[in-house]
PDB file of N, CA and C in Angstrom:
ATOM      1  N   GLN A   1       0.702  -1.066  -0.032  1.00  0.00           N
ATOM      2  CA  GLN A   1      -0.229  -0.143   0.422  1.00  0.00           C
ATOM      3  C   GLN A   1       0.668   1.129   0.196  1.00  0.00           C
ATOM      4  N   VAL A   2       0.547   2.100  -0.887  1.00  0.00           N
ATOM      5  CA  VAL A   2       1.456   3.584  -0.984  1.00  0.00           C
ATOM      6  C   VAL A   2       1.090   4.044   0.260  1.00  0.00           C
ATOM      7  N   GLN A   3       2.061   4.869   0.857  1.00  0.00           N
ATOM      8  CA  GLN A   3       1.854   5.698   2.021  1.00  0.00           C
ATOM      9  C   GLN A   3       2.807   7.163   1.431  1.00  0.00           C
ATOM     10  N   LEU A   4       1.532   8.311   1.879  1.00  0.00           N
ATOM     11  CA  LEU A   4       1.829   9.480   1.731  1.00  0.00           C
ATOM     12  C   LEU A   4       1.976  10.372   2.393  1.00  0.00           C
ATOM     13  N   VAL A   5       2.854  11.393   2.385  1.00  0.00           N
ATOM     14  CA  VAL A   5       3.155  12.458   3.379  1.00  0.00           C
ATOM     15  C   VAL A   5       3.250  13.694   2.840  1.00  0.00           C
ATOM     16  N   GLU A   6       2.537  14.600   3.267  1.00  0.00           N
ATOM     17  CA  GLU A   6       2.150  15.954   2.977  1.00  0.00           C
ATOM     18  C   GLU A   6       2.976  16.576   4.081  1.00  0.00           C
ATOM     19  N   SER A   7       3.343  18.048   2.775  1.00  0.00           N
ATOM     20  CA  SER A   7       4.129  19.150   3.703  1.00  0.00           C
ATOM     21  C   SER A   7       3.902  20.552   2.911  1.00  0.00           C
ATOM     22  N   GLY A   8       3.864  21.856   3.524  1.00  0.00           N
ATOM     23  CA  GLY A   8       3.771  22.754   2.993  1.00  0.00           C
ATOM     24  C   GLY A   8       2.643  23.622   3.439  1.00  0.00           C
ATOM     25  N   GLY A   9       1.823  23.183   4.262  1.00  0.00           N
ATOM     26  CA  GLY A   9       0.737  23.989   4.150  1.00  0.00           C
ATOM     27  C   GLY A   9       1.124  25.184   5.342  1.00  0.00           C
ATOM     28  N   GLY A  10      -0.066  26.106   5.779  1.00  0.00           N
ATOM     29  CA  GLY A  10       0.366  26.931   6.812  1.00  0.00           C
ATOM     30  C   GLY A  10      -0.792  28.159   6.396  1.00  0.00           C
ATOM     31  N   LEU A  11      -0.432  29.208   7.181  1.00  0.00           N
ATOM     32  CA  LEU A  11      -1.379  30.696   7.304  1.00  0.00           C
ATOM     33  C   LEU A  11      -0.623  31.262   6.113  1.00  0.00           C
ATOM     34  N   VAL A  12      -1.791  32.000   5.312  1.00  0.00           N
ATOM     35  CA  VAL A  12      -1.293  33.213   4.459  1.00  0.00           C
ATOM     36  C   VAL A  12      -2.184  34.174   4.047  1.00  0.00           C
ATOM     37  N   GLN A  13      -1.917  35.695   3.792  1.00  0.00           N
ATOM     38  CA  GLN A  13      -2.491  36.238   3.163  1.00  0.00           C
ATOM     39  C   GLN A  13      -3.242  36.137   1.989  1.00  0.00           C
ATOM     40  N   PRO A  14      -4.518  36.584   1.890  1.00  0.00           N
ATOM     41  CA  PRO A  14      -5.125  36.531   0.518  1.00  0.00           C
ATOM     42  C   PRO A  14      -4.015  37.417  -0.478  1.00  0.00           C
ATOM     43  N   GLY A  15      -3.989  36.760  -1.666  1.00  0.00           N
ATOM     44  CA  GLY A  15      -3.221  37.153  -2.847  1.00  0.00           C
ATOM     45  C   GLY A  15      -2.027  36.345  -2.475  1.00  0.00           C
ATOM     46  N   GLY A  16      -1.385  35.535  -1.402  1.00  0.00           N
ATOM     47  CA  GLY A  16      -0.448  34.822  -1.424  1.00  0.00           C
ATOM     48  C   GLY A  16      -0.258  33.444  -2.435  1.00  0.00           C
ATOM     49  N   SER A  17       0.640  33.019  -1.741  1.00  0.00           N
ATOM     50  CA  SER A  17       1.292  31.719  -2.333  1.00  0.00           C
ATOM     51  C   SER A  17       1.506  30.917  -1.488  1.00  0.00           C
ATOM     52  N   LEU A  18       1.149  29.453  -2.044  1.00  0.00           N
ATOM     53  CA  LEU A  18       2.050  28.251  -0.757  1.00  0.00           C
ATOM     54  C   LEU A  18       2.014  27.286  -2.044  1.00  0.00           C
ATOM     55  N   ARG A  19       2.805  26.338  -1.663  1.00  0.00           N
ATOM     56  CA  ARG A  19       3.648  24.970  -2.399  1.00  0.00           C
ATOM     57  C   ARG A  19       2.855  23.858  -1.626  1.00  0.00           C
ATOM     58  N   LEU A  20       2.172  23.067  -1.781  1.00  0.00           N
ATOM     59  CA  LEU A  20       2.141  21.869  -1.278  1.00  0.00           C
ATOM     60  C   LEU A  20       2.941  20.664  -1.870  1.00  0.00           C
ATOM     61  N   SER A  21       3.465  19.722  -1.208  1.00  0.00           N
ATOM     62  CA  SER A  21       4.333  18.654  -1.256  1.00  0.00           C
ATOM     63  C   SER A  21       3.544  17.248  -1.003  1.00  0.00           C
ATOM     64  N   CYS A  22       3.619  16.139  -1.587  1.00  0.00           N
ATOM     65  CA  CYS A  22       2.674  14.820  -1.291  1.00  0.00           C
ATOM     66  C   CYS A  22       4.249  13.760  -1.776  1.00  0.00           C
ATOM     67  N   ALA A  23       5.111  13.305  -1.042  1.00  0.00           N
ATOM     68  CA  ALA A  23       5.765  12.524  -1.165  1.00  0.00           C
ATOM     69  C   ALA A  23       5.481  11.028  -0.909  1.00  0.00           C
ATOM     70  N   ALA A  24       5.262   9.999  -2.019  1.00  0.00           N
ATOM     71  CA  ALA A  24       4.925   8.871  -1.762  1.00  0.00           C
ATOM     72  C   ALA A  24       5.948   7.538  -1.781  1.00  0.00           C
ATOM     73  N   SER A  25       5.517   6.613  -0.909  1.00  0.00           N
ATOM     74  CA  SER A  25       6.363   5.314  -0.763  1.00  0.00           C
ATOM     75  C   SER A  25       5.959   4.448  -2.053  1.00  0.00           C
ATOM     76  N   GLY A  26       6.742   3.526  -2.342  1.00  0.00           N
ATOM     77  CA  GLY A  26       6.390   2.494  -3.472  1.00  0.00           C
ATOM     78  C   GLY A  26       6.771   2.862  -4.684  1.00  0.00           C
ATOM     79  N   SER A  27       6.849   1.549  -5.375  1.00  0.00           N
ATOM     80  CA  SER A  27       7.531   1.786  -6.817  1.00  0.00           C
ATOM     81  C   SER A  27       6.444   2.048  -7.885  1.00  0.00           C
ATOM     82  N   ILE A  28       5.175   2.229  -7.321  1.00  0.00           N
ATOM     83  CA  ILE A  28       3.961   2.334  -8.387  1.00  0.00           C
ATOM     84  C   ILE A  28       3.646   3.706  -8.859  1.00  0.00           C
ATOM     85  N   PHE A  29       4.334   4.715  -8.128  1.00  0.00           N
ATOM     86  CA  PHE A  29       3.842   5.887  -8.229  1.00  0.00           C
ATOM     87  C   PHE A  29       3.802   6.842  -9.367  1.00  0.00           C
ATOM     88  N   SER A  30       4.720   6.046 -10.230  1.00  0.00           N
ATOM     89  CA  SER A  30       4.972   6.790 -11.850  1.00  0.00           C
ATOM     90  C   SER A  30       3.769   6.294 -12.621  1.00  0.00           C
ATOM     91  N   ASN A  31       3.192   5.217 -12.241  1.00  0.00           N
ATOM     92  CA  ASN A  31       2.258   4.772 -13.067  1.00  0.00           C
ATOM     93  C   ASN A  31       0.888   4.983 -12.867  1.00  0.00           C
ATOM     94  N   ARG A  32       0.572   5.842 -11.692  1.00  0.00           N
ATOM     95  CA  ARG A  32      -0.538   6.271 -11.266  1.00  0.00           C
ATOM     96  C   ARG A  32      -0.818   7.866 -11.325  1.00  0.00           C
ATOM     97  N   ALA A  33      -2.258   7.955 -11.740  1.00  0.00           N
ATOM     98  CA  ALA A  33      -2.810   9.627 -11.570  1.00  0.00           C
ATOM     99  C   ALA A  33      -2.772   9.970 -10.470  1.00  0.00           C
ATOM    100  N   MET A  34      -2.358  10.941  -9.979  1.00  0.00           N
ATOM    101  CA  MET A  34      -2.239  11.707  -8.536  1.00  0.00           C
ATOM    102  C   MET A  34      -3.299  12.675  -8.414  1.00  0.00           C
ATOM    103  N   GLY A  35      -3.546  13.034  -7.050  1.00  0.00           N
ATOM    104  CA  GLY A  35      -4.504  14.270  -7.013  1.00  0.00           C
ATOM    105  C   GLY A  35      -4.481  14.938  -5.935  1.00  0.00           C
ATOM    106  N   TRP A  36      -4.852  16.349  -6.049  1.00  0.00           N
ATOM    107  CA  TRP A  36      -4.953  16.631  -4.901  1.00  0.00           C
ATOM    108  C   TRP A  36      -6.548  17.253  -4.317  1.00  0.00           C
ATOM    109  N   TYR A  37      -7.021  17.180  -3.176  1.00  0.00           N
ATOM    110  CA  TYR A  37      -8.341  17.293  -2.862  1.00  0.00           C
ATOM    111  C   TYR A  37      -8.230  18.299  -1.704  1.00  0.00           C
ATOM    112  N   ARG A  38      -9.432  18.776  -1.463  1.00  0.00           N
ATOM    113  CA  ARG A  38      -9.683  19.882  -0.129  1.00  0.00           C
ATOM    114  C   ARG A  38     -10.964  19.612   0.316  1.00  0.00           C
ATOM    115  N   GLN A  39     -10.943  19.547   1.851  1.00  0.00           N
ATOM    116  CA  GLN A  39     -12.232  19.957   2.656  1.00  0.00           C
ATOM    117  C   GLN A  39     -12.313  20.887   3.462  1.00  0.00           C
ATOM    118  N   ALA A  40     -13.186  21.816   3.374  1.00  0.00           N
ATOM    119  CA  ALA A  40     -13.476  22.947   4.252  1.00  0.00           C
ATOM    120  C   ALA A  40     -14.710  22.658   4.964  1.00  0.00           C
ATOM    121  N   PRO A  41     -14.344  23.273   6.340  1.00  0.00           N
ATOM    122  CA  PRO A  41     -15.657  22.821   7.570  1.00  0.00           C
ATOM    123  C   PRO A  41     -17.039  22.765   6.857  1.00  0.00           C
ATOM    124  N   GLY A  42     -17.876  21.698   7.158  1.00  0.00           N
ATOM    125  CA  GLY A  42     -19.167  21.767   6.942  1.00  0.00           C
ATOM    126  C   GLY A  42     -19.283  21.310   5.627  1.00  0.00           C
ATOM    127  N   LYS A  43     -18.168  20.797   4.537  1.00  0.00           N
ATOM    128  CA  LYS A  43     -18.271  20.387   3.206  1.00  0.00           C
ATOM    129  C   LYS A  43     -17.721  19.190   2.863  1.00  0.00           C
ATOM    130  N   GLU A  44     -18.134  18.623   1.720  1.00  0.00           N
ATOM    131  CA  GLU A  44     -17.444  17.671   1.220  1.00  0.00           C
ATOM    132  C   GLU A  44     -15.948  17.583   0.634  1.00  0.00           C
ATOM    133  N   ARG A  45     -15.610  16.683   0.561  1.00  0.00           N
ATOM    134  CA  ARG A  45     -14.118  16.645   0.127  1.00  0.00           C
ATOM    135  C   ARG A  45     -14.412  16.755  -1.367  1.00  0.00           C
ATOM    136  N   ALA A  46     -13.767  17.778  -2.133  1.00  0.00           N
ATOM    137  CA  ALA A  46     -13.732  17.926  -3.544  1.00  0.00           C
ATOM    138  C   ALA A  46     -12.112  17.940  -4.103  1.00  0.00           C
ATOM    139  N   LEU A  47     -12.541  17.500  -5.035  1.00  0.00           N
ATOM    140  CA  LEU A  47     -11.237  17.185  -6.266  1.00  0.00           C
ATOM    141  C   LEU A  47     -10.626  19.047  -6.378  1.00  0.00           C
ATOM    142  N   VAL A  48      -9.431  19.006  -6.573  1.00  0.00           N
ATOM    143  CA  VAL A  48      -8.508  20.199  -6.556  1.00  0.00           C
ATOM    144  C   VAL A  48      -8.103  20.534  -8.152  1.00  0.00           C
ATOM    145  N   ALA A  49      -7.401  19.216  -8.096  1.00  0.00           N
ATOM    146  CA  ALA A  49      -6.363  19.247  -9.204  1.00  0.00           C
ATOM    147  C   ALA A  49      -5.814  17.603  -9.085  1.00  0.00           C
ATOM    148  N   ALA A  50      -5.670  17.205 -10.773  1.00  0.00           N
ATOM    149  CA  ALA A  50      -5.215  15.798 -10.676  1.00  0.00           C
ATOM    150  C   ALA A  50      -4.010  15.781 -11.814  1.00  0.00           C
ATOM    151  N   ILE A  51      -3.139  14.870 -11.894  1.00  0.00           N
ATOM    152  CA  ILE A  51      -1.969  14.584 -13.142  1.00  0.00           C
ATOM    153  C   ILE A  51      -2.052  13.057 -13.374  1.00  0.00           C
ATOM    154  N   THR A  52      -1.783  12.846 -14.378  1.00  0.00           N
ATOM    155  CA  THR A  52      -1.937  11.445 -15.002  1.00  0.00           C
ATOM    156  C   THR A  52      -0.527  11.061 -15.074  1.00  0.00           C
ATOM    157  N   SER A  53       0.049  10.063 -15.151  1.00  0.00           N
ATOM    158  CA  SER A  53       1.661   9.555 -14.975  1.00  0.00           C
ATOM    159  C   SER A  53       2.013  10.216 -16.479  1.00  0.00           C
ATOM    160  N   GLY A  54       1.197  10.483 -17.385  1.00  0.00           N
ATOM    161  CA  GLY A  54       2.369  11.156 -18.494  1.00  0.00           C
ATOM    162  C   GLY A  54       1.980  12.744 -18.442  1.00  0.00           C
ATOM    163  N   GLY A  55       1.430  13.587 -17.457  1.00  0.00           N
ATOM    164  CA  GLY A  55       1.524  14.985 -17.042  1.00  0.00           C
ATOM    165  C   GLY A  55       0.188  15.420 -17.484  1.00  0.00           C
ATOM    166  N   THR A  56      -0.613  14.528 -17.913  1.00  0.00           N
ATOM    167  CA  THR A  56      -2.094  15.489 -18.192  1.00  0.00           C
ATOM    168  C   THR A  56      -2.842  16.027 -16.903  1.00  0.00           C
ATOM    169  N   THR A  57      -3.109  16.850 -17.150  1.00  0.00           N
ATOM    170  CA  THR A  57      -3.857  17.997 -15.771  1.00  0.00           C
ATOM    171  C   THR A  57      -5.561  18.034 -15.802  1.00  0.00           C
ATOM    172  N   ASN A  58      -5.757  17.958 -14.811  1.00  0.00           N
ATOM    173  CA  ASN A  58      -7.183  18.242 -14.950  1.00  0.00           C
ATOM    174  C   ASN A  58      -7.429  19.146 -13.314  1.00  0.00           C
ATOM    175  N   TYR A  59      -8.066  20.437 -13.810  1.00  0.00           N
ATOM    176  CA  TYR A  59      -8.490  21.363 -12.498  1.00  0.00           C
ATOM    177  C   TYR A  59     -10.026  21.387 -12.257  1.00  0.00           C
ATOM    178  N   ALA A  60     -10.124  21.708 -11.006  1.00  0.00           N
ATOM    179  CA  ALA A  60     -11.433  22.120 -10.583  1.00  0.00           C
ATOM    180  C   ALA A  60     -11.725  24.014 -11.301  1.00  0.00           C
ATOM    181  N   ASP A  61     -12.959  24.167 -11.475  1.00  0.00           N
ATOM    182  CA  ASP A  61     -12.958  25.352 -12.242  1.00  0.00           C
ATOM    183  C   ASP A  61     -12.661  26.608 -11.031  1.00  0.00           C
ATOM    184  N   PHE A  62     -12.790  25.998  -9.692  1.00  0.00           N
ATOM    185  CA  PHE A  62     -12.724  27.343  -8.738  1.00  0.00           C
ATOM    186  C   PHE A  62     -10.858  27.506  -8.798  1.00  0.00           C
ATOM    187  N   VAL A  63     -10.329  26.714  -9.376  1.00  0.00           N
ATOM    188  CA  VAL A  63      -8.721  26.791  -9.063  1.00  0.00           C
ATOM    189  C   VAL A  63      -7.846  27.147 -10.356  1.00  0.00           C
ATOM    190  N   LYS A  64      -8.703  27.353 -11.575  1.00  0.00           N
ATOM    191  CA  LYS A  64      -8.243  27.124 -12.842  1.00  0.00           C
ATOM    192  C   LYS A  64      -7.352  28.519 -13.042  1.00  0.00           C
ATOM    193  N   GLY A  65      -6.168  28.622 -13.442  1.00  0.00           N
ATOM    194  CA  GLY A  65      -5.485  30.059 -13.455  1.00  0.00           C
ATOM    195  C   GLY A  65      -4.775  30.318 -12.325  1.00  0.00           C
ATOM    196  N   ARG A  66      -5.078  29.480 -11.264  1.00  0.00           N
ATOM    197  CA  ARG A  66      -4.281  29.913  -9.978  1.00  0.00           C
ATOM    198  C   ARG A  66      -3.235  29.098  -9.351  1.00  0.00           C
ATOM    199  N   PHE A  67      -4.010  27.802  -9.192  1.00  0.00           N
ATOM    200  CA  PHE A  67      -3.347  26.407  -9.021  1.00  0.00           C
ATOM    201  C   PHE A  67      -2.619  25.628 -10.138  1.00  0.00           C
ATOM    202  N   THR A  68      -1.258  25.142  -9.874  1.00  0.00           N
ATOM    203  CA  THR A  68      -0.781  24.273 -10.709  1.00  0.00           C
ATOM    204  C   THR A  68      -0.039  23.021 -10.232  1.00  0.00           C
ATOM    205  N   ILE A  69      -0.756  22.025 -10.703  1.00  0.00           N
ATOM    206  CA  ILE A  69      -0.238  20.409 -10.021  1.00  0.00           C
ATOM    207  C   ILE A  69       0.980  20.284 -11.003  1.00  0.00           C
ATOM    208  N   SER A  70       1.781  19.537 -10.445  1.00  0.00           N
ATOM    209  CA  SER A  70       2.839  19.005 -11.064  1.00  0.00           C
ATOM    210  C   SER A  70       3.539  17.812 -10.251  1.00  0.00           C
ATOM    211  N   ARG A  71       4.249  16.859 -10.977  1.00  0.00           N
ATOM    212  CA  ARG A  71       5.098  15.529 -10.673  1.00  0.00           C
ATOM    213  C   ARG A  71       6.240  15.225 -10.872  1.00  0.00           C
ATOM    214  N   ASP A  72       7.025  15.009  -9.855  1.00  0.00           N
ATOM    215  CA  ASP A  72       8.325  14.639 -10.120  1.00  0.00           C
ATOM    216  C   ASP A  72       8.863  12.830  -9.886  1.00  0.00           C
ATOM    217  N   ASN A  73       8.418  12.508 -10.910  1.00  0.00           N
ATOM    218  CA  ASN A  73       8.533  10.657 -10.786  1.00  0.00           C
ATOM    219  C   ASN A  73       9.458  10.294 -10.185  1.00  0.00           C
ATOM    220  N   ALA A  74      10.951  10.994 -10.335  1.00  0.00           N
ATOM    221  CA  ALA A  74      12.129  10.447  -9.951  1.00  0.00           C
ATOM    222  C   ALA A  74      12.253  10.600  -8.258  1.00  0.00           C
ATOM    223  N   LYS A  75      11.312  11.591  -8.072  1.00  0.00           N
ATOM    224  CA  LYS A  75      11.505  12.178  -6.547  1.00  0.00           C
ATOM    225  C   LYS A  75      10.242  11.399  -5.826  1.00  0.00           C
ATOM    226  N   ASN A  76       9.113  10.693  -6.468  1.00  0.00           N
ATOM    227  CA  ASN A  76       7.991  10.030  -6.104  1.00  0.00           C
ATOM    228  C   ASN A  76       7.391  11.452  -5.510  1.00  0.00           C
ATOM    229  N   THR A  77       6.892  12.408  -5.991  1.00  0.00           N
ATOM    230  CA  THR A  77       6.307  13.421  -5.420  1.00  0.00           C
ATOM    231  C   THR A  77       5.637  14.254  -6.114  1.00  0.00           C
ATOM    232  N   VAL A  78       4.514  14.729  -5.807  1.00  0.00           N
ATOM    233  CA  VAL A  78       3.435  15.743  -6.391  1.00  0.00           C
ATOM    234  C   VAL A  78       3.385  16.681  -5.952  1.00  0.00           C
ATOM    235  N   TYR A  79       3.391  18.169  -6.551  1.00  0.00           N
ATOM    236  CA  TYR A  79       3.080  19.576  -6.017  1.00  0.00           C
ATOM    237  C   TYR A  79       1.962  20.111  -6.455  1.00  0.00           C
ATOM    238  N   LEU A  80       1.671  20.947  -5.545  1.00  0.00           N
ATOM    239  CA  LEU A  80       0.614  21.852  -5.764  1.00  0.00           C
ATOM    240  C   LEU A  80       1.200  22.964  -5.408  1.00  0.00           C
ATOM    241  N   GLN A  81       1.297  24.090  -6.731  1.00  0.00           N
ATOM    242  CA  GLN A  81       1.755  25.387  -6.509  1.00  0.00           C
ATOM    243  C   GLN A  81       0.238  26.274  -6.257  1.00  0.00           C
ATOM    244  N   MET A  82       0.034  27.054  -5.310  1.00  0.00           N
ATOM    245  CA  MET A  82      -1.277  27.684  -4.906  1.00  0.00           C
ATOM    246  C   MET A  82      -0.684  29.263  -4.982  1.00  0.00           C
ATOM    247  N   ASN A  83      -1.437  29.901  -6.340  1.00  0.00           N
ATOM    248  CA  ASN A  83      -1.234  31.439  -6.227  1.00  0.00           C
ATOM    249  C   ASN A  83      -2.331  31.913  -6.109  1.00  0.00           C
ATOM    250  N   SER A  84      -2.495  33.509  -5.828  1.00  0.00           N
ATOM    251  CA  SER A  84      -3.413  34.441  -5.752  1.00  0.00           C
ATOM    252  C   SER A  84      -4.511  33.474  -4.887  1.00  0.00           C
ATOM    253  N   LEU A  85      -4.113  33.398  -3.687  1.00  0.00           N
ATOM    254  CA  LEU A  85      -4.981  32.707  -2.697  1.00  0.00           C
ATOM    255  C   LEU A  85      -6.186  33.240  -2.201  1.00  0.00           C
ATOM    256  N   LYS A  86      -7.348  32.841  -1.933  1.00  0.00           N
ATOM    257  CA  LYS A  86      -8.521  33.533  -1.483  1.00  0.00           C
ATOM    258  C   LYS A  86      -8.899  32.810  -0.274  1.00  0.00           C
ATOM    259  N   PRO A  87      -9.490  33.918   0.526  1.00  0.00           N
ATOM    260  CA  PRO A  87     -10.115  33.026   1.826  1.00  0.00           C
ATOM    261  C   PRO A  87     -11.066  31.708   1.584  1.00  0.00           C
ATOM    262  N   GLU A  88     -11.734  31.604   0.458  1.00  0.00           N
ATOM    263  CA  GLU A  88     -12.382  30.835   0.225  1.00  0.00           C
ATOM    264  C   GLU A  88     -11.603  29.238   0.068  1.00  0.00           C
ATOM    265  N   ASP A  89     -10.240  29.647  -0.188  1.00  0.00           N
ATOM    266  CA  ASP A  89      -9.287  28.808  -0.344  1.00  0.00           C
ATOM    267  C   ASP A  89      -8.854  27.631   0.934  1.00  0.00           C
ATOM    268  N   THR A  90      -9.427  28.384   1.957  1.00  0.00           N
ATOM    269  CA  THR A  90      -9.159  27.852   3.195  1.00  0.00           C
ATOM    270  C   THR A  90      -9.745  26.279   3.607  1.00  0.00           C
ATOM    271  N   ALA A  91      -8.872  25.542   3.560  1.00  0.00           N
ATOM    272  CA  ALA A  91      -9.632  24.063   3.766  1.00  0.00           C
ATOM    273  C   ALA A  91      -8.144  23.160   4.355  1.00  0.00           C
ATOM    274  N   VAL A  92      -8.530  21.865   4.611  1.00  0.00           N
ATOM    275  CA  VAL A  92      -7.514  20.759   4.826  1.00  0.00           C
ATOM    276  C   VAL A  92      -7.119  20.163   3.243  1.00  0.00           C
ATOM    277  N   TYR A  93      -6.133  20.284   2.960  1.00  0.00           N
ATOM    278  CA  TYR A  93      -5.770  19.813   1.603  1.00  0.00           C
ATOM    279  C   TYR A  93      -5.040  18.376   1.456  1.00  0.00           C
ATOM    280  N   TYR A  94      -5.578  17.374   1.079  1.00  0.00           N
ATOM    281  CA  TYR A  94      -5.103  15.933   0.818  1.00  0.00           C
ATOM    282  C   TYR A  94      -4.805  15.759  -0.449  1.00  0.00           C
ATOM    283  N   CYS A  95      -3.614  14.739  -0.570  1.00  0.00           N
ATOM    284  CA  CYS A  95      -3.250  13.970  -1.757  1.00  0.00           C
ATOM    285  C   CYS A  95      -3.581  12.429  -2.146  1.00  0.00           C
ATOM    286  N   ASN A  96      -3.875  12.027  -2.843  1.00  0.00           N
ATOM    287  CA  ASN A  96      -4.429  10.782  -3.184  1.00  0.00           C
ATOM    288  C   ASN A  96      -3.551  10.039  -4.152  1.00  0.00           C
ATOM    289  N   SER A  97      -3.321   8.986  -3.992  1.00  0.00           N
ATOM    290  CA  SER A  97      -2.302   7.885  -4.719  1.00  0.00           C
ATOM    291  C   SER A  97      -2.690   7.674  -6.185  1.00  0.00           C
ATOM    292  N   ASN A  98      -4.211   7.446  -6.387  1.00  0.00           N
ATOM    293  CA  ASN A  98      -4.730   6.864  -7.367  1.00  0.00           C
ATOM    294  C   ASN A  98      -5.958   7.595  -8.052  1.00  0.00           C
ATOM    295  N   VAL A  99      -6.136   8.506  -8.765  1.00  0.00           N
ATOM    296  CA  VAL A  99      -7.196   9.116  -9.004  1.00  0.00           C
ATOM    297  C   VAL A  99      -7.517   8.563 -10.184  1.00  0.00           C
ATOM    298  N   VAL A 100      -8.808   8.060 -10.587  1.00  0.00           N
ATOM    299  CA  VAL A 100      -9.380   7.228 -11.708  1.00  0.00           C
ATOM    300  C   VAL A 100     -10.360   8.285 -12.434  1.00  0.00           C
ATOM    301  N   GLY A 101     -10.114   8.548 -13.819  1.00  0.00           N
ATOM    302  CA  GLY A 101     -10.729   9.121 -14.680  1.00  0.00           C
ATOM    303  C   GLY A 101     -10.921  10.730 -14.404  1.00  0.00           C
ATOM    304  N   GLY A 102      -9.818  10.969 -13.737  1.00  0.00           N
ATOM    305  CA  GLY A 102      -9.307  12.335 -13.653  1.00  0.00           C
ATOM    306  C   GLY A 102      -9.916  12.927 -12.486  1.00  0.00           C
ATOM    307  N   ILE A 103     -10.997  12.069 -11.815  1.00  0.00           N
ATOM    308  CA  ILE A 103     -11.892  12.555 -10.752  1.00  0.00           C
ATOM    309  C   ILE A 103     -12.106  11.837  -9.280  1.00  0.00           C
ATOM    310  N   ILE A 104     -11.955  10.781  -9.708  1.00  0.00           N
ATOM    311  CA  ILE A 104     -12.062   9.779  -8.496  1.00  0.00           C
ATOM    312  C   ILE A 104     -10.896   9.085  -7.736  1.00  0.00           C
ATOM    313  N   PRO A 105     -11.101   9.538  -6.215  1.00  0.00           N
ATOM    314  CA  PRO A 105     -10.061   9.124  -5.946  1.00  0.00           C
ATOM    315  C   PRO A 105     -10.122   7.418  -5.227  1.00  0.00           C
ATOM    316  N   ARG A 106      -9.184   6.849  -5.559  1.00  0.00           N
ATOM    317  CA  ARG A 106      -9.454   5.268  -5.429  1.00  0.00           C
ATOM    318  C   ARG A 106      -7.924   4.793  -4.374  1.00  0.00           C
ATOM    319  N   GLY A 107      -7.163   5.522  -4.245  1.00  0.00           N
ATOM    320  CA  GLY A 107      -6.038   5.093  -3.398  1.00  0.00           C
ATOM    321  C   GLY A 107      -5.712   5.770  -2.284  1.00  0.00           C
ATOM    322  N   SER A 108      -4.754   5.610  -1.559  1.00  0.00           N
ATOM    323  CA  SER A 108      -4.301   5.765  -0.252  1.00  0.00           C
ATOM    324  C   SER A 108      -4.421   7.560  -0.192  1.00  0.00           C
ATOM    325  N   TRP A 109      -4.623   7.912   1.127  1.00  0.00           N
ATOM    326  CA  TRP A 109      -4.842   9.407   0.825  1.00  0.00           C
ATOM    327  C   TRP A 109      -3.563   9.880   1.940  1.00  0.00           C
ATOM    328  N   GLY A 110      -3.185  11.242   1.953  1.00  0.00           N
ATOM    329  CA  GLY A 110      -1.972  11.621   2.911  1.00  0.00           C
ATOM    330  C   GLY A 110      -2.855  11.924   4.178  1.00  0.00           C
ATOM    331  N   GLN A 111      -1.770  12.647   5.010  1.00  0.00           N
ATOM    332  CA  GLN A 111      -2.546  12.866   6.377  1.00  0.00           C
ATOM    333  C   GLN A 111      -3.541  14.233   6.394  1.00  0.00           C
ATOM    334  N   GLY A 112      -3.009  14.995   5.335  1.00  0.00           N
ATOM    335  CA  GLY A 112      -4.049  16.226   5.197  1.00  0.00           C
ATOM    336  C   GLY A 112      -3.275  17.589   5.594  1.00  0.00           C
ATOM    337  N   ASN A 113      -3.287  18.581   5.024  1.00  0.00           N
ATOM    338  CA  ASN A 113      -2.462  19.594   5.474  1.00  0.00           C
ATOM    339  C   ASN A 113      -3.346  20.966   5.339  1.00  0.00           C
ATOM    340  N   GLN A 114      -3.244  21.716   6.380  1.00  0.00           N
ATOM    341  CA  GLN A 114      -4.367  22.803   6.730  1.00  0.00           C
ATOM    342  C   GLN A 114      -3.336  24.151   6.060  1.00  0.00           C
ATOM    343  N   VAL A 115      -4.700  24.914   5.380  1.00  0.00           N
ATOM    344  CA  VAL A 115      -4.029  25.898   4.489  1.00  0.00           C
ATOM    345  C   VAL A 115      -5.307  27.134   4.988  1.00  0.00           C
ATOM    346  N   THR A 116      -4.706  27.839   5.575  1.00  0.00           N
ATOM    347  CA  THR A 116      -5.336  28.732   6.316  1.00  0.00           C
ATOM    348  C   THR A 116      -5.311  30.368   5.450  1.00  0.00           C
ATOM    349  N   VAL A 117      -6.249  31.032   4.635  1.00  0.00           N
ATOM    350  CA  VAL A 117      -5.750  32.157   3.986  1.00  0.00           C
ATOM    351  C   VAL A 117      -6.894  33.191   4.547  1.00  0.00           C
ATOM    352  N   SER A 118      -5.828  34.209   5.447  1.00  0.00           N
ATOM    353  CA  SER A 118      -6.846  35.209   6.038  1.00  0.00           C
ATOM    354  C   SER A 118      -5.503  36.442   6.394  1.00  0.00           C
ATOM    355  N   SER A 119      -6.551  37.378   6.352  1.00  0.00           N
ATOM    356  CA  SER A 119      -5.640  38.760   6.766  1.00  0.00           C
ATOM    357  C   SER A 119      -5.353  38.843   8.213  1.00  0.00           C
TER     358      SER A 119
END
């Protein structure tokens, strides 16, 4: 089973930037689509962005043009660069090790990383 360790969350002012990282164990990383999801208080967990093994990306409408997902297969790591952050981006962000159809999380979850956007 793939284990995921996330890092990079924190408190940032509106308009600021953060980069999340998700390091995976196991040799299957490069063969799987990975994704980032987020869950705000009182809301369901929702897809933020996903990236296939070949680098094709899929973004939720609410982050298009602001967030960028990328991966480094040599380091077994997926990243989420978040720019122009808004208060409504405040949530716990999770990575998933196997995203099916660009949307459905079927793999292991990371431990979650709090991102708070506030002045």
